């Protein structure tokens, strides 16, 4: 997934931050990561379900870079 596509997805999540929308990323039919924009903010929450870590980002570009790195390392399909 390109960085531009990730940025667009994150911007869309934050555009609708008044409702709960969660984007899931899967590998081999297992959810490995979730991404959401915290309600009424522009803070991106990335939850890595492989190691149970949560990271918060206030910058969409940094969020996209973190997601891209994870995708490249884990070859998510």
PDB file of N, CA and C in Angstrom:
ATOM      1  N   UNK A   1       0.854  -1.173   0.000  1.00  0.00           N
ATOM      2  CA  UNK A   1       0.000   0.000   0.000  1.00  0.00           C
ATOM      3  C   UNK A   1       0.900   1.236   0.000  1.00  0.00           C
ATOM      4  N   UNK A   2       0.619   2.164  -0.873  1.00  0.00           N
ATOM      5  CA  UNK A   2       1.461   3.352  -0.983  1.00  0.00           C
ATOM      6  C   UNK A   2       1.226   4.297   0.200  1.00  0.00           C
ATOM      7  N   UNK A   3       2.216   5.121   0.452  1.00  0.00           N
ATOM      8  CA  UNK A   3       2.106   6.092   1.535  1.00  0.00           C
ATOM      9  C   UNK A   3       0.939   7.049   1.267  1.00  0.00           C
ATOM     10  N   UNK A   4       0.746   7.415   0.012  1.00  0.00           N
ATOM     11  CA  UNK A   4      -0.354   8.319  -0.341  1.00  0.00           C
ATOM     12  C   UNK A   4      -1.716   7.685  -0.020  1.00  0.00           C
ATOM     13  N   UNK A   5      -1.845   6.390  -0.297  1.00  0.00           N
ATOM     14  CA  UNK A   5      -3.093   5.679   0.016  1.00  0.00           C
ATOM     15  C   UNK A   5      -3.319   5.618   1.523  1.00  0.00           C
ATOM     16  N   UNK A   6      -2.259   5.380   2.259  1.00  0.00           N
ATOM     17  CA  UNK A   6      -2.370   5.337   3.714  1.00  0.00           C
ATOM     18  C   UNK A   6      -2.777   6.700   4.271  1.00  0.00           C
ATOM     19  N   UNK A   7      -2.181   7.763   3.744  1.00  0.00           N
ATOM     20  CA  UNK A   7      -2.518   9.117   4.194  1.00  0.00           C
ATOM     21  C   UNK A   7      -3.988   9.403   3.917  1.00  0.00           C
ATOM     22  N   UNK A   8      -4.454   9.045   2.739  1.00  0.00           N
ATOM     23  CA  UNK A   8      -5.867   9.267   2.390  1.00  0.00           C
ATOM     24  C   UNK A   8      -6.791   8.492   3.338  1.00  0.00           C
ATOM     25  N   UNK A   9      -6.441   7.247   3.644  1.00  0.00           N
ATOM     26  CA  UNK A   9      -7.239   6.440   4.561  1.00  0.00           C
ATOM     27  C   UNK A   9      -7.262   7.075   5.955  1.00  0.00           C
ATOM     28  N   UNK A  10      -6.113   7.534   6.430  1.00  0.00           N
ATOM     29  CA  UNK A  10      -6.040   8.150   7.757  1.00  0.00           C
ATOM     30  C   UNK A  10      -6.812   9.464   7.798  1.00  0.00           C
ATOM     31  N   UNK A  11      -6.699  10.257   6.741  1.00  0.00           N
ATOM     32  CA  UNK A  11      -7.455  11.508   6.675  1.00  0.00           C
ATOM     33  C   UNK A  11      -8.955  11.238   6.704  1.00  0.00           C
ATOM     34  N   UNK A  12      -9.381  10.184   6.014  1.00  0.00           N
ATOM     35  CA  UNK A  12     -10.795   9.820   6.016  1.00  0.00           C
ATOM     36  C   UNK A  12     -11.243   9.395   7.413  1.00  0.00           C
ATOM     37  N   UNK A  13     -10.432   8.597   8.103  1.00  0.00           N
ATOM     38  CA  UNK A  13     -10.766   8.206   9.469  1.00  0.00           C
ATOM     39  C   UNK A  13     -10.944   9.436  10.356  1.00  0.00           C
ATOM     40  N   UNK A  14     -10.053  10.415  10.221  1.00  0.00           N
ATOM     41  CA  UNK A  14     -10.131  11.618  11.055  1.00  0.00           C
ATOM     42  C   UNK A  14     -11.268  12.538  10.629  1.00  0.00           C
ATOM     43  N   UNK A  15     -11.627  12.495   9.366  1.00  0.00           N
ATOM     44  CA  UNK A  15     -12.750  13.309   8.888  1.00  0.00           C
ATOM     45  C   UNK A  15     -14.044  12.880   9.563  1.00  0.00           C
ATOM     46  N   UNK A  16     -14.161  11.584   9.841  1.00  0.00           N
ATOM     47  CA  UNK A  16     -15.364  11.038  10.475  1.00  0.00           C
ATOM     48  C   UNK A  16     -15.081  10.639  11.928  1.00  0.00           C
ATOM     49  N   UNK A  17     -14.365  11.493  12.642  1.00  0.00           N
ATOM     50  CA  UNK A  17     -13.961  11.167  14.006  1.00  0.00           C
ATOM     51  C   UNK A  17     -15.084  11.329  15.033  1.00  0.00           C
ATOM     52  N   UNK A  18     -16.288  11.638  14.570  1.00  0.00           N
ATOM     53  CA  UNK A  18     -17.412  11.727  15.499  1.00  0.00           C
ATOM     54  C   UNK A  18     -18.134  10.388  15.648  1.00  0.00           C
ATOM     55  N   UNK A  19     -17.675   9.375  14.890  1.00  0.00           N
ATOM     56  CA  UNK A  19     -18.201   8.013  15.013  1.00  0.00           C
ATOM     57  C   UNK A  19     -17.019   7.053  15.142  1.00  0.00           C
ATOM     58  N   UNK A  20     -17.298   5.851  15.587  1.00  0.00           N
ATOM     59  CA  UNK A  20     -16.244   4.845  15.768  1.00  0.00           C
ATOM     60  C   UNK A  20     -16.032   4.073  14.460  1.00  0.00           C
ATOM     61  N   UNK A  21     -14.928   4.360  13.796  1.00  0.00           N
ATOM     62  CA  UNK A  21     -14.540   3.615  12.601  1.00  0.00           C
ATOM     63  C   UNK A  21     -13.158   3.039  12.874  1.00  0.00           C
ATOM     64  N   UNK A  22     -13.015   1.761  12.634  1.00  0.00           N
ATOM     65  CA  UNK A  22     -11.738   1.084  12.869  1.00  0.00           C
ATOM     66  C   UNK A  22     -11.350   0.352  11.586  1.00  0.00           C
ATOM     67  N   UNK A  23     -10.135   0.599  11.134  1.00  0.00           N
ATOM     68  CA  UNK A  23      -9.616  -0.074   9.941  1.00  0.00           C
ATOM     69  C   UNK A  23      -8.752  -1.238  10.430  1.00  0.00           C
ATOM     70  N   UNK A  24      -8.961  -2.416   9.870  1.00  0.00           N
ATOM     71  CA  UNK A  24      -8.168  -3.572  10.281  1.00  0.00           C
ATOM     72  C   UNK A  24      -7.229  -3.994   9.159  1.00  0.00           C
ATOM     73  N   UNK A  25      -6.065  -4.456   9.543  1.00  0.00           N
ATOM     74  CA  UNK A  25      -5.093  -4.994   8.607  1.00  0.00           C
ATOM     75  C   UNK A  25      -4.886  -6.451   8.964  1.00  0.00           C
ATOM     76  N   UNK A  26      -4.919  -7.299   7.945  1.00  0.00           N
ATOM     77  CA  UNK A  26      -4.849  -8.740   8.170  1.00  0.00           C
ATOM     78  C   UNK A  26      -3.711  -9.370   7.392  1.00  0.00           C
ATOM     79  N   UNK A  27      -3.269 -10.492   7.911  1.00  0.00           N
ATOM     80  CA  UNK A  27      -2.260 -11.316   7.259  1.00  0.00           C
ATOM     81  C   UNK A  27      -2.674 -12.764   7.452  1.00  0.00           C
ATOM     82  N   UNK A  28      -2.732 -13.513   6.367  1.00  0.00           N
ATOM     83  CA  UNK A  28      -3.163 -14.916   6.445  1.00  0.00           C
ATOM     84  C   UNK A  28      -4.487 -15.062   7.175  1.00  0.00           C
ATOM     85  N   UNK A  29      -5.415 -14.186   6.841  1.00  0.00           N
ATOM     86  CA  UNK A  29      -6.772 -14.200   7.391  1.00  0.00           C
ATOM     87  C   UNK A  29      -6.844 -13.940   8.892  1.00  0.00           C
ATOM     88  N   UNK A  30      -5.786 -13.393   9.471  1.00  0.00           N
ATOM     89  CA  UNK A  30      -5.792 -13.023  10.881  1.00  0.00           C
ATOM     90  C   UNK A  30      -5.558 -11.523  10.989  1.00  0.00           C
ATOM     91  N   UNK A  31      -6.373 -10.865  11.807  1.00  0.00           N
ATOM     92  CA  UNK A  31      -6.188  -9.438  12.034  1.00  0.00           C
ATOM     93  C   UNK A  31      -4.907  -9.237  12.844  1.00  0.00           C
ATOM     94  N   UNK A  32      -4.012  -8.410  12.332  1.00  0.00           N
ATOM     95  CA  UNK A  32      -2.743  -8.182  13.012  1.00  0.00           C
ATOM     96  C   UNK A  32      -2.596  -6.747  13.501  1.00  0.00           C
ATOM     97  N   UNK A  33      -3.459  -5.839  12.990  1.00  0.00           N
ATOM     98  CA  UNK A  33      -3.343  -4.450  13.392  1.00  0.00           C
ATOM     99  C   UNK A  33      -4.680  -3.761  13.179  1.00  0.00           C
ATOM    100  N   UNK A  34      -4.970  -2.801  14.070  1.00  0.00           N
ATOM    101  CA  UNK A  34      -6.145  -1.954  13.881  1.00  0.00           C
ATOM    102  C   UNK A  34      -5.690  -0.496  13.922  1.00  0.00           C
ATOM    103  N   UNK A  35      -6.429   0.329  13.192  1.00  0.00           N
ATOM    104  CA  UNK A  35      -6.120   1.757  13.126  1.00  0.00           C
ATOM    105  C   UNK A  35      -7.430   2.517  13.279  1.00  0.00           C
ATOM    106  N   UNK A  36      -7.414   3.552  14.088  1.00  0.00           N
ATOM    107  CA  UNK A  36      -8.594   4.398  14.229  1.00  0.00           C
ATOM    108  C   UNK A  36      -8.164   5.803  14.604  1.00  0.00           C
ATOM    109  N   UNK A  37      -9.065   6.734  14.395  1.00  0.00           N
ATOM    110  CA  UNK A  37      -8.865   8.109  14.841  1.00  0.00           C
ATOM    111  C   UNK A  37      -9.685   8.256  16.117  1.00  0.00           C
ATOM    112  N   UNK A  38      -9.045   8.682  17.181  1.00  0.00           N
ATOM    113  CA  UNK A  38      -9.754   8.815  18.452  1.00  0.00           C
ATOM    114  C   UNK A  38     -10.879   9.836  18.318  1.00  0.00           C
ATOM    115  N   UNK A  39     -11.982   9.529  18.944  1.00  0.00           N
ATOM    116  CA  UNK A  39     -13.193  10.324  18.810  1.00  0.00           C
ATOM    117  C   UNK A  39     -12.952  11.795  19.166  1.00  0.00           C
ATOM    118  N   UNK A  40     -13.412  12.668  18.270  1.00  0.00           N
ATOM    119  CA  UNK A  40     -13.353  14.123  18.423  1.00  0.00           C
ATOM    120  C   UNK A  40     -11.921  14.661  18.504  1.00  0.00           C
ATOM    121  N   UNK A  41     -10.980  13.942  17.902  1.00  0.00           N
ATOM    122  CA  UNK A  41      -9.585  14.408  17.850  1.00  0.00           C
ATOM    123  C   UNK A  41      -9.046  14.124  16.450  1.00  0.00           C
ATOM    124  N   UNK A  42      -7.779  14.427  16.234  1.00  0.00           N
ATOM    125  CA  UNK A  42      -7.079  14.016  15.020  1.00  0.00           C
ATOM    126  C   UNK A  42      -5.924  13.084  15.403  1.00  0.00           C
ATOM    127  N   UNK A  43      -6.049  12.438  16.560  1.00  0.00           N
ATOM    128  CA  UNK A  43      -5.039  11.511  17.046  1.00  0.00           C
ATOM    129  C   UNK A  43      -5.300  10.126  16.472  1.00  0.00           C
ATOM    130  N   UNK A  44      -4.276   9.567  15.844  1.00  0.00           N
ATOM    131  CA  UNK A  44      -4.361   8.239  15.254  1.00  0.00           C
ATOM    132  C   UNK A  44      -3.862   7.222  16.272  1.00  0.00           C
ATOM    133  N   UNK A  45      -4.651   6.173  16.490  1.00  0.00           N
ATOM    134  CA  UNK A  45      -4.267   5.075  17.379  1.00  0.00           C
ATOM    135  C   UNK A  45      -3.998   3.845  16.519  1.00  0.00           C
ATOM    136  N   UNK A  46      -2.785   3.326  16.618  1.00  0.00           N
ATOM    137  CA  UNK A  46      -2.405   2.111  15.901  1.00  0.00           C
ATOM    138  C   UNK A  46      -2.162   1.031  16.942  1.00  0.00           C
ATOM    139  N   UNK A  47      -2.922  -0.050  16.840  1.00  0.00           N
ATOM    140  CA  UNK A  47      -2.786  -1.168  17.774  1.00  0.00           C
ATOM    141  C   UNK A  47      -2.212  -2.361  17.034  1.00  0.00           C
ATOM    142  N   UNK A  48      -1.045  -2.798  17.475  1.00  0.00           N
ATOM    143  CA  UNK A  48      -0.387  -3.971  16.918  1.00  0.00           C
ATOM    144  C   UNK A  48      -0.840  -5.165  17.743  1.00  0.00           C
ATOM    145  N   UNK A  49      -1.654  -6.015  17.141  1.00  0.00           N
ATOM    146  CA  UNK A  49      -2.210  -7.154  17.869  1.00  0.00           C
ATOM    147  C   UNK A  49      -1.222  -8.308  17.993  1.00  0.00           C
ATOM    148  N   UNK A  50      -0.136  -8.256  17.228  1.00  0.00           N
ATOM    149  CA  UNK A  50       0.875  -9.312  17.325  1.00  0.00           C
ATOM    150  C   UNK A  50       1.652  -9.215  18.633  1.00  0.00           C
ATOM    151  N   UNK A  51       1.880  -7.980  19.104  1.00  0.00           N
ATOM    152  CA  UNK A  51       2.633  -7.826  20.349  1.00  0.00           C
ATOM    153  C   UNK A  51       1.896  -6.956  21.382  1.00  0.00           C
ATOM    154  N   UNK A  52       0.602  -6.712  21.133  1.00  0.00           N
ATOM    155  CA  UNK A  52      -0.251  -5.959  22.053  1.00  0.00           C
ATOM    156  C   UNK A  52       0.308  -4.589  22.424  1.00  0.00           C
ATOM    157  N   UNK A  53       0.752  -3.841  21.427  1.00  0.00           N
ATOM    158  CA  UNK A  53       1.222  -2.485  21.676  1.00  0.00           C
ATOM    159  C   UNK A  53       0.291  -1.482  21.007  1.00  0.00           C
ATOM    160  N   UNK A  54       0.171  -0.331  21.636  1.00  0.00           N
ATOM    161  CA  UNK A  54      -0.648   0.755  21.107  1.00  0.00           C
ATOM    162  C   UNK A  54       0.244   1.976  20.967  1.00  0.00           C
ATOM    163  N   UNK A  55       0.190   2.600  19.786  1.00  0.00           N
ATOM    164  CA  UNK A  55       0.944   3.829  19.563  1.00  0.00           C
ATOM    165  C   UNK A  55      -0.024   4.910  19.131  1.00  0.00           C
ATOM    166  N   UNK A  56       0.187   6.109  19.642  1.00  0.00           N
ATOM    167  CA  UNK A  56      -0.638   7.266  19.304  1.00  0.00           C
ATOM    168  C   UNK A  56       0.200   8.248  18.494  1.00  0.00           C
ATOM    169  N   UNK A  57      -0.418   8.801  17.457  1.00  0.00           N
ATOM    170  CA  UNK A  57       0.257   9.760  16.592  1.00  0.00           C
ATOM    171  C   UNK A  57      -0.645  10.976  16.404  1.00  0.00           C
ATOM    172  N   UNK A  58      -0.042  12.164  16.490  1.00  0.00           N
ATOM    173  CA  UNK A  58      -0.779  13.398  16.222  1.00  0.00           C
ATOM    174  C   UNK A  58      -0.507  13.899  14.815  1.00  0.00           C
ATOM    175  N   UNK A  59       0.300  13.171  14.069  1.00  0.00           N
ATOM    176  CA  UNK A  59       0.693  13.568  12.727  1.00  0.00           C
ATOM    177  C   UNK A  59       0.317  12.449  11.753  1.00  0.00           C
ATOM    178  N   UNK A  60      -0.505  12.777  10.773  1.00  0.00           N
ATOM    179  CA  UNK A  60      -0.982  11.761   9.832  1.00  0.00           C
ATOM    180  C   UNK A  60       0.170  11.189   9.016  1.00  0.00           C
ATOM    181  N   UNK A  61       1.111  12.026   8.611  1.00  0.00           N
ATOM    182  CA  UNK A  61       2.235  11.537   7.808  1.00  0.00           C
ATOM    183  C   UNK A  61       3.090  10.547   8.602  1.00  0.00           C
ATOM    184  N   UNK A  62       3.344  10.835   9.881  1.00  0.00           N
ATOM    185  CA  UNK A  62       4.107   9.906  10.725  1.00  0.00           C
ATOM    186  C   UNK A  62       3.330   8.601  10.932  1.00  0.00           C
ATOM    187  N   UNK A  63       2.024   8.702  11.061  1.00  0.00           N
ATOM    188  CA  UNK A  63       1.179   7.514  11.193  1.00  0.00           C
ATOM    189  C   UNK A  63       1.290   6.647   9.947  1.00  0.00           C
ATOM    190  N   UNK A  64       1.239   7.284   8.785  1.00  0.00           N
ATOM    191  CA  UNK A  64       1.333   6.556   7.521  1.00  0.00           C
ATOM    192  C   UNK A  64       2.689   5.869   7.396  1.00  0.00           C
ATOM    193  N   UNK A  65       3.747   6.545   7.811  1.00  0.00           N
ATOM    194  CA  UNK A  65       5.092   5.947   7.753  1.00  0.00           C
ATOM    195  C   UNK A  65       5.188   4.739   8.672  1.00  0.00           C
ATOM    196  N   UNK A  66       4.606   4.834   9.867  1.00  0.00           N
ATOM    197  CA  UNK A  66       4.619   3.707  10.807  1.00  0.00           C
ATOM    198  C   UNK A  66       3.842   2.526  10.243  1.00  0.00           C
ATOM    199  N   UNK A  67       2.697   2.796   9.649  1.00  0.00           N
ATOM    200  CA  UNK A  67       1.900   1.730   9.038  1.00  0.00           C
ATOM    201  C   UNK A  67       2.635   1.092   7.863  1.00  0.00           C
ATOM    202  N   UNK A  68       3.244   1.927   7.038  1.00  0.00           N
ATOM    203  CA  UNK A  68       3.965   1.418   5.875  1.00  0.00           C
ATOM    204  C   UNK A  68       5.127   0.529   6.305  1.00  0.00           C
ATOM    205  N   UNK A  69       5.829   0.924   7.340  1.00  0.00           N
ATOM    206  CA  UNK A  69       6.927   0.119   7.853  1.00  0.00           C
ATOM    207  C   UNK A  69       6.407  -1.232   8.347  1.00  0.00           C
ATOM    208  N   UNK A  70       5.315  -1.228   9.101  1.00  0.00           N
ATOM    209  CA  UNK A  70       4.743  -2.462   9.596  1.00  0.00           C
ATOM    210  C   UNK A  70       4.291  -3.362   8.445  1.00  0.00           C
ATOM    211  N   UNK A  71       3.627  -2.779   7.470  1.00  0.00           N
ATOM    212  CA  UNK A  71       3.158  -3.553   6.304  1.00  0.00           C
ATOM    213  C   UNK A  71       4.335  -4.177   5.570  1.00  0.00           C
ATOM    214  N   UNK A  72       5.376  -3.388   5.340  1.00  0.00           N
ATOM    215  CA  UNK A  72       6.543  -3.904   4.630  1.00  0.00           C
ATOM    216  C   UNK A  72       7.243  -5.009   5.406  1.00  0.00           C
ATOM    217  N   UNK A  73       7.279  -4.906   6.720  1.00  0.00           N
ATOM    218  CA  UNK A  73       7.940  -5.916   7.556  1.00  0.00           C
ATOM    219  C   UNK A  73       7.117  -7.195   7.649  1.00  0.00           C
ATOM    220  N   UNK A  74       5.804  -7.074   7.539  1.00  0.00           N
ATOM    221  CA  UNK A  74       4.935  -8.226   7.780  1.00  0.00           C
ATOM    222  C   UNK A  74       4.196  -8.705   6.537  1.00  0.00           C
ATOM    223  N   UNK A  75       4.409  -8.070   5.418  1.00  0.00           N
ATOM    224  CA  UNK A  75       3.778  -8.449   4.153  1.00  0.00           C
ATOM    225  C   UNK A  75       2.301  -8.756   4.350  1.00  0.00           C
ATOM    226  N   UNK A  76       1.557  -7.737   4.789  1.00  0.00           N
ATOM    227  CA  UNK A  76       0.122  -7.874   5.019  1.00  0.00           C
ATOM    228  C   UNK A  76      -0.591  -7.973   3.679  1.00  0.00           C
ATOM    229  N   UNK A  77      -1.544  -8.899   3.593  1.00  0.00           N
ATOM    230  CA  UNK A  77      -2.362  -9.070   2.376  1.00  0.00           C
ATOM    231  C   UNK A  77      -3.830  -8.957   2.720  1.00  0.00           C
TER     232      UNK A  77
END
